[in-house]
Amino acid sequence: MEPETVSFSRDIQPIFDLHCIRCHVTGGFANNSGIPVRLIEGVSYGSLVNQSSVQDSSWTLVEPNQPDLSLLYLKISRESPPVGRQMPWDMGTVVTLEEMELVRTWITEGAHNN
C-alpha cells in the first residue's frame, strides 16, 4: 500500500484557515497593503500555485515540486525570507514545525489540488 499523500483540502487549507485568513481575505491587511493573495477555501489554491509574488515577480508563491523555490514555504519557515517578512507576521498564531513540514511535503509531491 502506498503512503497517503498530503491533501490540499484536508491538510493545507486548514493551516491557512488557522493562521492566514485574518489578513489574506478581501479587505484584510494583506489585501489593503496591495498583496492580492486570498487564502480562503475555494480561492487559495489558485492564488498560490504557479503565481508570481507581487512583492518580487522573480519569486513564485508555490512552485510545484520545489519547496525551496516556493515563497510561501520560505515565508512560513524562515525568520528572514528572501521577500518580505516571516508569516504570519502578527504572530497571533505560529505555524508549527509539523505544519511547515506538511506544506513542504505538499509542494514536494507536486502541489496538487486534491
PDB file of N, CA and C in Angstrom:
ATOM      1  N   MET A   1       0.847  -1.188   0.000  1.00  0.00           N
ATOM      2  CA  MET A   1       0.000   0.000   0.000  1.00  0.00           C
ATOM      3  C   MET A   1       0.886   1.244   0.000  1.00  0.00           C
ATOM      4  N   GLU A   2       0.564   2.191  -0.889  1.00  0.00           N
ATOM      5  CA  GLU A   2       1.339   3.422  -0.975  1.00  0.00           C
ATOM      6  C   GLU A   2       1.009   4.339   0.195  1.00  0.00           C
ATOM      7  N   PRO A   3       2.009   5.101   0.666  1.00  0.00           N
ATOM      8  CA  PRO A   3       1.714   6.064   1.728  1.00  0.00           C
ATOM      9  C   PRO A   3       0.764   7.142   1.208  1.00  0.00           C
ATOM     10  N   GLU A   4      -0.066   7.628   2.090  1.00  0.00           N
ATOM     11  CA  GLU A   4      -1.024   8.668   1.720  1.00  0.00           C
ATOM     12  C   GLU A   4      -0.296   9.973   1.438  1.00  0.00           C
ATOM     13  N   THR A   5      -0.704  10.651   0.379  1.00  0.00           N
ATOM     14  CA  THR A   5      -0.098  11.937   0.058  1.00  0.00           C
ATOM     15  C   THR A   5      -0.788  13.041   0.852  1.00  0.00           C
ATOM     16  N   VAL A   6      -0.132  14.171   0.898  1.00  0.00           N
ATOM     17  CA  VAL A   6      -0.710  15.330   1.575  1.00  0.00           C
ATOM     18  C   VAL A   6      -1.827  15.879   0.692  1.00  0.00           C
ATOM     19  N   SER A   7      -2.950  16.143   1.294  1.00  0.00           N
ATOM     20  CA  SER A   7      -4.118  16.660   0.591  1.00  0.00           C
ATOM     21  C   SER A   7      -4.228  18.167   0.817  1.00  0.00           C
ATOM     22  N   PHE A   8      -4.413  18.902  -0.270  1.00  0.00           N
ATOM     23  CA  PHE A   8      -4.581  20.349  -0.135  1.00  0.00           C
ATOM     24  C   PHE A   8      -5.788  20.668   0.736  1.00  0.00           C
ATOM     25  N   SER A   9      -6.937  20.076   0.420  1.00  0.00           N
ATOM     26  CA  SER A   9      -8.166  20.420   1.154  1.00  0.00           C
ATOM     27  C   SER A   9      -8.149  19.907   2.596  1.00  0.00           C
ATOM     28  N   ARG A  10      -7.613  18.734   2.818  1.00  0.00           N
ATOM     29  CA  ARG A  10      -7.620  18.138   4.156  1.00  0.00           C
ATOM     30  C   ARG A  10      -6.489  18.663   5.050  1.00  0.00           C
ATOM     31  N   ASP A  11      -5.306  18.886   4.468  1.00  0.00           N
ATOM     32  CA  ASP A  11      -4.124  19.195   5.277  1.00  0.00           C
ATOM     33  C   ASP A  11      -3.630  20.643   5.177  1.00  0.00           C
ATOM     34  N   ILE A  12      -3.707  21.231   3.998  1.00  0.00           N
ATOM     35  CA  ILE A  12      -3.108  22.560   3.786  1.00  0.00           C
ATOM     36  C   ILE A  12      -4.103  23.691   4.050  1.00  0.00           C
ATOM     37  N   GLN A  13      -5.315  23.590   3.507  1.00  0.00           N
ATOM     38  CA  GLN A  13      -6.292  24.659   3.729  1.00  0.00           C
ATOM     39  C   GLN A  13      -6.555  24.916   5.211  1.00  0.00           C
ATOM     40  N   PRO A  14      -6.647  23.879   6.058  1.00  0.00           N
ATOM     41  CA  PRO A  14      -6.840  24.159   7.488  1.00  0.00           C
ATOM     42  C   PRO A  14      -5.698  24.976   8.113  1.00  0.00           C
ATOM     43  N   ILE A  15      -4.493  24.848   7.587  1.00  0.00           N
ATOM     44  CA  ILE A  15      -3.375  25.679   8.069  1.00  0.00           C
ATOM     45  C   ILE A  15      -3.652  27.140   7.732  1.00  0.00           C
ATOM     46  N   PHE A  16      -4.103  27.380   6.503  1.00  0.00           N
ATOM     47  CA  PHE A  16      -4.452  28.756   6.110  1.00  0.00           C
ATOM     48  C   PHE A  16      -5.605  29.283   6.965  1.00  0.00           C
ATOM     49  N   ASP A  17      -6.603  28.436   7.199  1.00  0.00           N
ATOM     50  CA  ASP A  17      -7.760  28.852   7.992  1.00  0.00           C
ATOM     51  C   ASP A  17      -7.337  29.273   9.400  1.00  0.00           C
ATOM     52  N   LEU A  18      -6.392  28.567   9.957  1.00  0.00           N
ATOM     53  CA  LEU A  18      -5.946  28.836  11.320  1.00  0.00           C
ATOM     54  C   LEU A  18      -5.009  30.040  11.414  1.00  0.00           C
ATOM     55  N   HIS A  19      -4.104  30.171  10.467  1.00  0.00           N
ATOM     56  CA  HIS A  19      -3.019  31.149  10.614  1.00  0.00           C
ATOM     57  C   HIS A  19      -3.082  32.352   9.664  1.00  0.00           C
ATOM     58  N   CYS A  20      -3.794  32.240   8.551  1.00  0.00           N
ATOM     59  CA  CYS A  20      -3.578  33.199   7.468  1.00  0.00           C
ATOM     60  C   CYS A  20      -4.780  34.064   7.084  1.00  0.00           C
ATOM     61  N   ILE A  21      -5.983  33.556   7.289  1.00  0.00           N
ATOM     62  CA  ILE A  21      -7.126  34.269   6.703  1.00  0.00           C
ATOM     63  C   ILE A  21      -7.515  35.544   7.442  1.00  0.00           C
ATOM     64  N   ARG A  22      -6.915  35.811   8.576  1.00  0.00           N
ATOM     65  CA  ARG A  22      -7.159  37.112   9.206  1.00  0.00           C
ATOM     66  C   ARG A  22      -6.725  38.242   8.273  1.00  0.00           C
ATOM     67  N   CYS A  23      -5.617  38.023   7.573  1.00  0.00           N
ATOM     68  CA  CYS A  23      -5.061  39.063   6.700  1.00  0.00           C
ATOM     69  C   CYS A  23      -5.297  38.789   5.220  1.00  0.00           C
ATOM     70  N   HIS A  24      -5.323  37.509   4.833  1.00  0.00           N
ATOM     71  CA  HIS A  24      -5.382  37.150   3.417  1.00  0.00           C
ATOM     72  C   HIS A  24      -6.807  36.868   2.961  1.00  0.00           C
ATOM     73  N   VAL A  25      -7.668  37.887   3.119  1.00  0.00           N
ATOM     74  CA  VAL A  25      -9.046  37.879   2.632  1.00  0.00           C
ATOM     75  C   VAL A  25      -9.312  39.246   2.024  1.00  0.00           C
ATOM     76  N   THR A  26     -10.363  39.339   1.229  1.00  0.00           N
ATOM     77  CA  THR A  26     -10.757  40.636   0.695  1.00  0.00           C
ATOM     78  C   THR A  26     -11.006  41.587   1.858  1.00  0.00           C
ATOM     79  N   GLY A  27     -10.336  42.728   1.847  1.00  0.00           N
ATOM     80  CA  GLY A  27     -10.465  43.704   2.921  1.00  0.00           C
ATOM     81  C   GLY A  27      -9.537  43.468   4.090  1.00  0.00           C
ATOM     82  N   GLY A  28      -8.777  42.367   4.067  1.00  0.00           N
ATOM     83  CA  GLY A  28      -7.819  42.085   5.130  1.00  0.00           C
ATOM     84  C   GLY A  28      -6.563  42.935   4.988  1.00  0.00           C
ATOM     85  N   PHE A  29      -5.691  42.856   5.968  1.00  0.00           N
ATOM     86  CA  PHE A  29      -4.480  43.678   5.981  1.00  0.00           C
ATOM     87  C   PHE A  29      -3.638  43.468   4.734  1.00  0.00           C
ATOM     88  N   ALA A  30      -3.422  42.211   4.322  1.00  0.00           N
ATOM     89  CA  ALA A  30      -2.601  41.947   3.137  1.00  0.00           C
ATOM     90  C   ALA A  30      -3.242  42.575   1.906  1.00  0.00           C
ATOM     91  N   ASN A  31      -4.542  42.370   1.741  1.00  0.00           N
ATOM     92  CA  ASN A  31      -5.263  42.955   0.615  1.00  0.00           C
ATOM     93  C   ASN A  31      -5.148  44.468   0.617  1.00  0.00           C
ATOM     94  N   ASN A  32      -5.345  45.076   1.763  1.00  0.00           N
ATOM     95  CA  ASN A  32      -5.268  46.537   1.869  1.00  0.00           C
ATOM     96  C   ASN A  32      -3.850  47.063   1.688  1.00  0.00           C
ATOM     97  N   SER A  33      -2.856  46.169   1.801  1.00  0.00           N
ATOM     98  CA  SER A  33      -1.456  46.545   1.612  1.00  0.00           C
ATOM     99  C   SER A  33      -0.969  46.241   0.191  1.00  0.00           C
ATOM    100  N   GLY A  34      -1.875  45.850  -0.695  1.00  0.00           N
ATOM    101  CA  GLY A  34      -1.513  45.608  -2.084  1.00  0.00           C
ATOM    102  C   GLY A  34      -1.070  44.189  -2.399  1.00  0.00           C
ATOM    103  N   ILE A  35      -1.294  43.261  -1.478  1.00  0.00           N
ATOM    104  CA  ILE A  35      -0.944  41.862  -1.712  1.00  0.00           C
ATOM    105  C   ILE A  35      -2.247  41.100  -1.939  1.00  0.00           C
ATOM    106  N   PRO A  36      -2.519  40.706  -3.193  1.00  0.00           N
ATOM    107  CA  PRO A  36      -3.828  40.146  -3.531  1.00  0.00           C
ATOM    108  C   PRO A  36      -4.012  38.661  -3.230  1.00  0.00           C
ATOM    109  N   VAL A  37      -3.143  38.048  -2.464  1.00  0.00           N
ATOM    110  CA  VAL A  37      -3.244  36.622  -2.171  1.00  0.00           C
ATOM    111  C   VAL A  37      -4.408  36.379  -1.214  1.00  0.00           C
ATOM    112  N   ARG A  38      -5.401  35.609  -1.680  1.00  0.00           N
ATOM    113  CA  ARG A  38      -6.543  35.238  -0.850  1.00  0.00           C
ATOM    114  C   ARG A  38      -6.363  33.785  -0.446  1.00  0.00           C
ATOM    115  N   LEU A  39      -6.468  33.501   0.837  1.00  0.00           N
ATOM    116  CA  LEU A  39      -6.223  32.147   1.313  1.00  0.00           C
ATOM    117  C   LEU A  39      -7.472  31.490   1.891  1.00  0.00           C
ATOM    118  N   ILE A  40      -8.629  31.897   1.392  1.00  0.00           N
ATOM    119  CA  ILE A  40      -9.880  31.286   1.825  1.00  0.00           C
ATOM    120  C   ILE A  40     -10.175  30.063   0.959  1.00  0.00           C
ATOM    121  N   GLU A  41     -10.937  29.137   1.510  1.00  0.00           N
ATOM    122  CA  GLU A  41     -11.297  27.912   0.803  1.00  0.00           C
ATOM    123  C   GLU A  41     -11.948  28.238  -0.534  1.00  0.00           C
ATOM    124  N   GLY A  42     -11.560  27.509  -1.557  1.00  0.00           N
ATOM    125  CA  GLY A  42     -12.111  27.695  -2.891  1.00  0.00           C
ATOM    126  C   GLY A  42     -11.348  28.700  -3.727  1.00  0.00           C
ATOM    127  N   VAL A  43     -10.503  29.510  -3.096  1.00  0.00           N
ATOM    128  CA  VAL A  43      -9.760  30.550  -3.799  1.00  0.00           C
ATOM    129  C   VAL A  43      -8.254  30.394  -3.595  1.00  0.00           C
ATOM    130  N   SER A  44      -7.862  29.844  -2.475  1.00  0.00           N
ATOM    131  CA  SER A  44      -6.454  29.823  -2.078  1.00  0.00           C
ATOM    132  C   SER A  44      -5.557  29.108  -3.077  1.00  0.00           C
ATOM    133  N   TYR A  45      -5.955  27.957  -3.559  1.00  0.00           N
ATOM    134  CA  TYR A  45      -5.100  27.206  -4.478  1.00  0.00           C
ATOM    135  C   TYR A  45      -4.739  28.050  -5.703  1.00  0.00           C
ATOM    136  N   GLY A  46      -5.726  28.654  -6.311  1.00  0.00           N
ATOM    137  CA  GLY A  46      -5.493  29.474  -7.499  1.00  0.00           C
ATOM    138  C   GLY A  46      -4.700  30.740  -7.220  1.00  0.00           C
ATOM    139  N   SER A  47      -4.707  31.183  -5.975  1.00  0.00           N
ATOM    140  CA  SER A  47      -3.938  32.370  -5.584  1.00  0.00           C
ATOM    141  C   SER A  47      -2.461  32.063  -5.392  1.00  0.00           C
ATOM    142  N   LEU A  48      -2.119  30.779  -5.285  1.00  0.00           N
ATOM    143  CA  LEU A  48      -0.759  30.392  -4.900  1.00  0.00           C
ATOM    144  C   LEU A  48       0.046  29.663  -5.965  1.00  0.00           C
ATOM    145  N   VAL A  49      -0.514  28.611  -6.510  1.00  0.00           N
ATOM    146  CA  VAL A  49       0.264  27.700  -7.342  1.00  0.00           C
ATOM    147  C   VAL A  49       0.579  28.337  -8.699  1.00  0.00           C
ATOM    148  N   ASN A  50       1.870  28.380  -9.000  1.00  0.00           N
ATOM    149  CA  ASN A  50       2.386  28.972 -10.241  1.00  0.00           C
ATOM    150  C   ASN A  50       2.065  30.461 -10.375  1.00  0.00           C
ATOM    151  N   GLN A  51       1.887  31.143  -9.254  1.00  0.00           N
ATOM    152  CA  GLN A  51       1.612  32.584  -9.254  1.00  0.00           C
ATOM    153  C   GLN A  51       2.846  33.347  -8.784  1.00  0.00           C
ATOM    154  N   SER A  52       3.184  34.416  -9.488  1.00  0.00           N
ATOM    155  CA  SER A  52       4.320  35.254  -9.096  1.00  0.00           C
ATOM    156  C   SER A  52       3.960  36.114  -7.904  1.00  0.00           C
ATOM    157  N   SER A  53       4.963  36.395  -7.097  1.00  0.00           N
ATOM    158  CA  SER A  53       4.782  37.297  -5.965  1.00  0.00           C
ATOM    159  C   SER A  53       4.648  38.724  -6.467  1.00  0.00           C
ATOM    160  N   VAL A  54       3.699  39.481  -5.909  1.00  0.00           N
ATOM    161  CA  VAL A  54       3.605  40.900  -6.266  1.00  0.00           C
ATOM    162  C   VAL A  54       4.715  41.692  -5.582  1.00  0.00           C
ATOM    163  N   GLN A  55       5.316  41.122  -4.550  1.00  0.00           N
ATOM    164  CA  GLN A  55       6.413  41.796  -3.863  1.00  0.00           C
ATOM    165  C   GLN A  55       7.717  41.687  -4.654  1.00  0.00           C
ATOM    166  N   ASP A  56       7.898  40.591  -5.394  1.00  0.00           N
ATOM    167  CA  ASP A  56       9.088  40.359  -6.212  1.00  0.00           C
ATOM    168  C   ASP A  56       8.720  39.299  -7.234  1.00  0.00           C
ATOM    169  N   SER A  57       8.479  39.715  -8.474  1.00  0.00           N
ATOM    170  CA  SER A  57       7.975  38.810  -9.504  1.00  0.00           C
ATOM    171  C   SER A  57       8.968  37.717  -9.903  1.00  0.00           C
ATOM    172  N   SER A  58      10.198  37.787  -9.418  1.00  0.00           N
ATOM    173  CA  SER A  58      11.144  36.705  -9.711  1.00  0.00           C
ATOM    174  C   SER A  58      10.872  35.480  -8.829  1.00  0.00           C
ATOM    175  N   TRP A  59      10.003  35.627  -7.844  1.00  0.00           N
ATOM    176  CA  TRP A  59       9.633  34.521  -6.954  1.00  0.00           C
ATOM    177  C   TRP A  59       8.239  34.022  -7.295  1.00  0.00           C
ATOM    178  N   THR A  60       8.073  32.705  -7.259  1.00  0.00           N
ATOM    179  CA  THR A  60       6.772  32.066  -7.424  1.00  0.00           C
ATOM    180  C   THR A  60       6.264  31.695  -6.035  1.00  0.00           C
ATOM    181  N   LEU A  61       4.983  31.946  -5.786  1.00  0.00           N
ATOM    182  CA  LEU A  61       4.434  31.650  -4.458  1.00  0.00           C
ATOM    183  C   LEU A  61       4.511  30.162  -4.152  1.00  0.00           C
ATOM    184  N   VAL A  62       4.030  29.325  -5.063  1.00  0.00           N
ATOM    185  CA  VAL A  62       4.187  27.876  -4.927  1.00  0.00           C
ATOM    186  C   VAL A  62       4.657  27.336  -6.271  1.00  0.00           C
ATOM    187  N   GLU A  63       5.870  26.828  -6.280  1.00  0.00           N
ATOM    188  CA  GLU A  63       6.475  26.193  -7.449  1.00  0.00           C
ATOM    189  C   GLU A  63       6.383  24.682  -7.217  1.00  0.00           C
ATOM    190  N   PRO A  64       5.456  23.985  -7.910  1.00  0.00           N
ATOM    191  CA  PRO A  64       5.291  22.563  -7.670  1.00  0.00           C
ATOM    192  C   PRO A  64       6.626  21.801  -7.719  1.00  0.00           C
ATOM    193  N   ASN A  65       6.785  20.892  -6.771  1.00  0.00           N
ATOM    194  CA  ASN A  65       7.972  20.045  -6.625  1.00  0.00           C
ATOM    195  C   ASN A  65       9.200  20.783  -6.101  1.00  0.00           C
ATOM    196  N   GLN A  66       9.102  22.084  -5.842  1.00  0.00           N
ATOM    197  CA  GLN A  66      10.272  22.885  -5.473  1.00  0.00           C
ATOM    198  C   GLN A  66      10.007  23.740  -4.228  1.00  0.00           C
ATOM    199  N   PRO A  67       9.948  23.139  -3.041  1.00  0.00           N
ATOM    200  CA  PRO A  67       9.647  23.949  -1.852  1.00  0.00           C
ATOM    201  C   PRO A  67      10.677  25.043  -1.579  1.00  0.00           C
ATOM    202  N   ASP A  68      11.935  24.797  -1.905  1.00  0.00           N
ATOM    203  CA  ASP A  68      12.957  25.809  -1.635  1.00  0.00           C
ATOM    204  C   ASP A  68      12.940  26.957  -2.636  1.00  0.00           C
ATOM    205  N   LEU A  69      12.119  26.834  -3.668  1.00  0.00           N
ATOM    206  CA  LEU A  69      11.905  27.923  -4.625  1.00  0.00           C
ATOM    207  C   LEU A  69      10.495  28.494  -4.499  1.00  0.00           C
ATOM    208  N   SER A  70       9.754  28.042  -3.486  1.00  0.00           N
ATOM    209  CA  SER A  70       8.365  28.469  -3.266  1.00  0.00           C
ATOM    210  C   SER A  70       8.324  29.489  -2.138  1.00  0.00           C
ATOM    211  N   LEU A  71       7.951  30.709  -2.487  1.00  0.00           N
ATOM    212  CA  LEU A  71       7.954  31.788  -1.497  1.00  0.00           C
ATOM    213  C   LEU A  71       7.023  31.498  -0.326  1.00  0.00           C
ATOM    214  N   LEU A  72       5.902  30.862  -0.558  1.00  0.00           N
ATOM    215  CA  LEU A  72       5.007  30.512   0.546  1.00  0.00           C
ATOM    216  C   LEU A  72       5.751  29.713   1.610  1.00  0.00           C
ATOM    217  N   TYR A  73       6.432  28.665   1.200  1.00  0.00           N
ATOM    218  CA  TYR A  73       7.153  27.832   2.162  1.00  0.00           C
ATOM    219  C   TYR A  73       8.257  28.630   2.860  1.00  0.00           C
ATOM    220  N   LEU A  74       8.988  29.412   2.109  1.00  0.00           N
ATOM    221  CA  LEU A  74      10.083  30.184   2.705  1.00  0.00           C
ATOM    222  C   LEU A  74       9.561  31.224   3.691  1.00  0.00           C
ATOM    223  N   LYS A  75       8.400  31.807   3.407  1.00  0.00           N
ATOM    224  CA  LYS A  75       7.849  32.839   4.300  1.00  0.00           C
ATOM    225  C   LYS A  75       7.308  32.255   5.609  1.00  0.00           C
ATOM    226  N   ILE A  76       6.906  30.982   5.602  1.00  0.00           N
ATOM    227  CA  ILE A  76       6.447  30.394   6.867  1.00  0.00           C
ATOM    228  C   ILE A  76       7.568  29.688   7.620  1.00  0.00           C
ATOM    229  N   SER A  77       8.658  29.368   6.939  1.00  0.00           N
ATOM    230  CA  SER A  77       9.694  28.548   7.575  1.00  0.00           C
ATOM    231  C   SER A  77      10.986  29.292   7.910  1.00  0.00           C
ATOM    232  N   ARG A  78      11.152  30.492   7.423  1.00  0.00           N
ATOM    233  CA  ARG A  78      12.396  31.229   7.663  1.00  0.00           C
ATOM    234  C   ARG A  78      12.130  32.535   8.392  1.00  0.00           C
ATOM    235  N   GLU A  79      12.993  32.827   9.355  1.00  0.00           N
ATOM    236  CA  GLU A  79      12.874  34.103  10.066  1.00  0.00           C
ATOM    237  C   GLU A  79      13.116  35.277   9.132  1.00  0.00           C
ATOM    238  N   SER A  80      14.008  35.096   8.164  1.00  0.00           N
ATOM    239  CA  SER A  80      14.314  36.148   7.176  1.00  0.00           C
ATOM    240  C   SER A  80      14.121  35.584   5.776  1.00  0.00           C
ATOM    241  N   PRO A  81      12.873  35.542   5.294  1.00  0.00           N
ATOM    242  CA  PRO A  81      12.640  35.031   3.943  1.00  0.00           C
ATOM    243  C   PRO A  81      13.231  35.995   2.902  1.00  0.00           C
ATOM    244  N   PRO A  82      13.393  35.547   1.662  1.00  0.00           N
ATOM    245  CA  PRO A  82      14.010  36.390   0.637  1.00  0.00           C
ATOM    246  C   PRO A  82      13.177  37.611   0.258  1.00  0.00           C
ATOM    247  N   VAL A  83      11.886  37.586   0.560  1.00  0.00           N
ATOM    248  CA  VAL A  83      10.985  38.700   0.256  1.00  0.00           C
ATOM    249  C   VAL A  83      10.088  38.923   1.460  1.00  0.00           C
ATOM    250  N   GLY A  84       9.954  40.167   1.875  1.00  0.00           N
ATOM    251  CA  GLY A  84       9.047  40.491   2.976  1.00  0.00           C
ATOM    252  C   GLY A  84       9.513  39.919   4.298  1.00  0.00           C
ATOM    253  N   ARG A  85       8.545  39.569   5.134  1.00  0.00           N
ATOM    254  CA  ARG A  85       8.851  39.059   6.469  1.00  0.00           C
ATOM    255  C   ARG A  85       8.226  37.698   6.677  1.00  0.00           C
ATOM    256  N   GLN A  86       8.639  37.048   7.778  1.00  0.00           N
ATOM    257  CA  GLN A  86       8.090  35.736   8.092  1.00  0.00           C
ATOM    258  C   GLN A  86       6.597  35.856   8.379  1.00  0.00           C
ATOM    259  N   MET A  87       5.851  34.854   7.933  1.00  0.00           N
ATOM    260  CA  MET A  87       4.415  34.815   8.148  1.00  0.00           C
ATOM    261  C   MET A  87       4.083  33.724   9.169  1.00  0.00           C
ATOM    262  N   PRO A  88       3.011  33.885   9.906  1.00  0.00           N
ATOM    263  CA  PRO A  88       2.184  35.086   9.959  1.00  0.00           C
ATOM    264  C   PRO A  88       2.909  36.202  10.704  1.00  0.00           C
ATOM    265  N   TRP A  89       2.837  37.384  10.146  1.00  0.00           N
ATOM    266  CA  TRP A  89       3.649  38.478  10.688  1.00  0.00           C
ATOM    267  C   TRP A  89       3.134  38.988  12.017  1.00  0.00           C
ATOM    268  N   ASP A  90       1.840  38.908  12.259  1.00  0.00           N
ATOM    269  CA  ASP A  90       1.311  39.433  13.522  1.00  0.00           C
ATOM    270  C   ASP A  90       1.548  38.493  14.691  1.00  0.00           C
ATOM    271  N   MET A  91       1.983  37.260  14.384  1.00  0.00           N
ATOM    272  CA  MET A  91       2.310  36.256  15.389  1.00  0.00           C
ATOM    273  C   MET A  91       1.144  35.952  16.330  1.00  0.00           C
ATOM    274  N   GLY A  92      -0.079  36.187  15.859  1.00  0.00           N
ATOM    275  CA  GLY A  92      -1.235  35.782  16.646  1.00  0.00           C
ATOM    276  C   GLY A  92      -1.242  34.276  16.846  1.00  0.00           C
ATOM    277  N   THR A  93      -0.808  33.573  15.836  1.00  0.00           N
ATOM    278  CA  THR A  93      -0.582  32.135  15.917  1.00  0.00           C
ATOM    279  C   THR A  93       0.743  31.860  15.223  1.00  0.00           C
ATOM    280  N   VAL A  94       1.366  30.777  15.549  1.00  0.00           N
ATOM    281  CA  VAL A  94       2.643  30.407  14.956  1.00  0.00           C
ATOM    282  C   VAL A  94       2.454  29.111  14.180  1.00  0.00           C
ATOM    283  N   VAL A  95       2.956  29.083  12.961  1.00  0.00           N
ATOM    284  CA  VAL A  95       2.916  27.863  12.171  1.00  0.00           C
ATOM    285  C   VAL A  95       3.881  26.876  12.819  1.00  0.00           C
ATOM    286  N   THR A  96       3.382  25.698  13.162  1.00  0.00           N
ATOM    287  CA  THR A  96       4.204  24.705  13.848  1.00  0.00           C
ATOM    288  C   THR A  96       5.157  24.028  12.862  1.00  0.00           C
ATOM    289  N   LEU A  97       6.160  23.359  13.409  1.00  0.00           N
ATOM    290  CA  LEU A  97       7.093  22.611  12.567  1.00  0.00           C
ATOM    291  C   LEU A  97       6.352  21.527  11.781  1.00  0.00           C
ATOM    292  N   GLU A  98       5.376  20.892  12.411  1.00  0.00           N
ATOM    293  CA  GLU A  98       4.584  19.874  11.713  1.00  0.00           C
ATOM    294  C   GLU A  98       3.820  20.479  10.533  1.00  0.00           C
ATOM    295  N   GLU A  99       3.229  21.659  10.738  1.00  0.00           N
ATOM    296  CA  GLU A  99       2.507  22.333   9.652  1.00  0.00           C
ATOM    297  C   GLU A  99       3.463  22.757   8.538  1.00  0.00           C
ATOM    298  N   MET A 100       4.641  23.259   8.920  1.00  0.00           N
ATOM    299  CA  MET A 100       5.643  23.618   7.904  1.00  0.00           C
ATOM    300  C   MET A 100       6.016  22.402   7.071  1.00  0.00           C
ATOM    301  N   GLU A 101       6.187  21.260   7.727  1.00  0.00           N
ATOM    302  CA  GLU A 101       6.565  20.042   7.018  1.00  0.00           C
ATOM    303  C   GLU A 101       5.433  19.569   6.103  1.00  0.00           C
ATOM    304  N   LEU A 102       4.178  19.730   6.516  1.00  0.00           N
ATOM    305  CA  LEU A 102       3.053  19.393   5.640  1.00  0.00           C
ATOM    306  C   LEU A 102       3.078  20.245   4.374  1.00  0.00           C
ATOM    307  N   VAL A 103       3.313  21.543   4.531  1.00  0.00           N
ATOM    308  CA  VAL A 103       3.382  22.436   3.364  1.00  0.00           C
ATOM    309  C   VAL A 103       4.548  22.017   2.469  1.00  0.00           C
ATOM    310  N   ARG A 104       5.704  21.755   3.069  1.00  0.00           N
ATOM    311  CA  ARG A 104       6.878  21.329   2.288  1.00  0.00           C
ATOM    312  C   ARG A 104       6.581  20.041   1.529  1.00  0.00           C
ATOM    313  N   THR A 105       5.990  19.063   2.197  1.00  0.00           N
ATOM    314  CA  THR A 105       5.693  17.790   1.557  1.00  0.00           C
ATOM    315  C   THR A 105       4.671  17.973   0.449  1.00  0.00           C
ATOM    316  N   TRP A 106       3.639  18.762   0.694  1.00  0.00           N
ATOM    317  CA  TRP A 106       2.617  19.029  -0.339  1.00  0.00           C
ATOM    318  C   TRP A 106       3.275  19.603  -1.587  1.00  0.00           C
ATOM    319  N   ILE A 107       4.149  20.576  -1.420  1.00  0.00           N
ATOM    320  CA  ILE A 107       4.833  21.179  -2.575  1.00  0.00           C
ATOM    321  C   ILE A 107       5.732  20.148  -3.241  1.00  0.00           C
ATOM    322  N   THR A 108       6.502  19.397  -2.453  1.00  0.00           N
ATOM    323  CA  THR A 108       7.405  18.375  -2.991  1.00  0.00           C
ATOM    324  C   THR A 108       6.642  17.329  -3.801  1.00  0.00           C
ATOM    325  N   GLU A 109       5.443  16.987  -3.351  1.00  0.00           N
ATOM    326  CA  GLU A 109       4.617  15.992  -4.046  1.00  0.00           C
ATOM    327  C   GLU A 109       3.948  16.552  -5.297  1.00  0.00           C
ATOM    328  N   GLY A 110       4.155  17.821  -5.595  1.00  0.00           N
ATOM    329  CA  GLY A 110       3.610  18.411  -6.820  1.00  0.00           C
ATOM    330  C   GLY A 110       2.567  19.468  -6.614  1.00  0.00           C
ATOM    331  N   ALA A 111       2.242  19.806  -5.363  1.00  0.00           N
ATOM    332  CA  ALA A 111       1.273  20.870  -5.052  1.00  0.00           C
ATOM    333  C   ALA A 111      -0.063  20.647  -5.768  1.00  0.00           C
ATOM    334  N   HIS A 112      -0.581  19.440  -5.625  1.00  0.00           N
ATOM    335  CA  HIS A 112      -1.852  19.101  -6.284  1.00  0.00           C
ATOM    336  C   HIS A 112      -3.051  19.672  -5.534  1.00  0.00           C
ATOM    337  N   ASN A 113      -4.110  19.938  -6.285  1.00  0.00           N
ATOM    338  CA  ASN A 113      -5.344  20.455  -5.710  1.00  0.00           C
ATOM    339  C   ASN A 113      -6.276  19.274  -5.427  1.00  0.00           C
ATOM    340  N   ASN A 114      -5.963  18.583  -4.329  1.00  0.00           N
ATOM    341  CA  ASN A 114      -6.749  17.384  -4.002  1.00  0.00           C
ATOM    342  C   ASN A 114      -7.325  17.489  -2.605  1.00  0.00           C
TER     343      ASN A 114
END
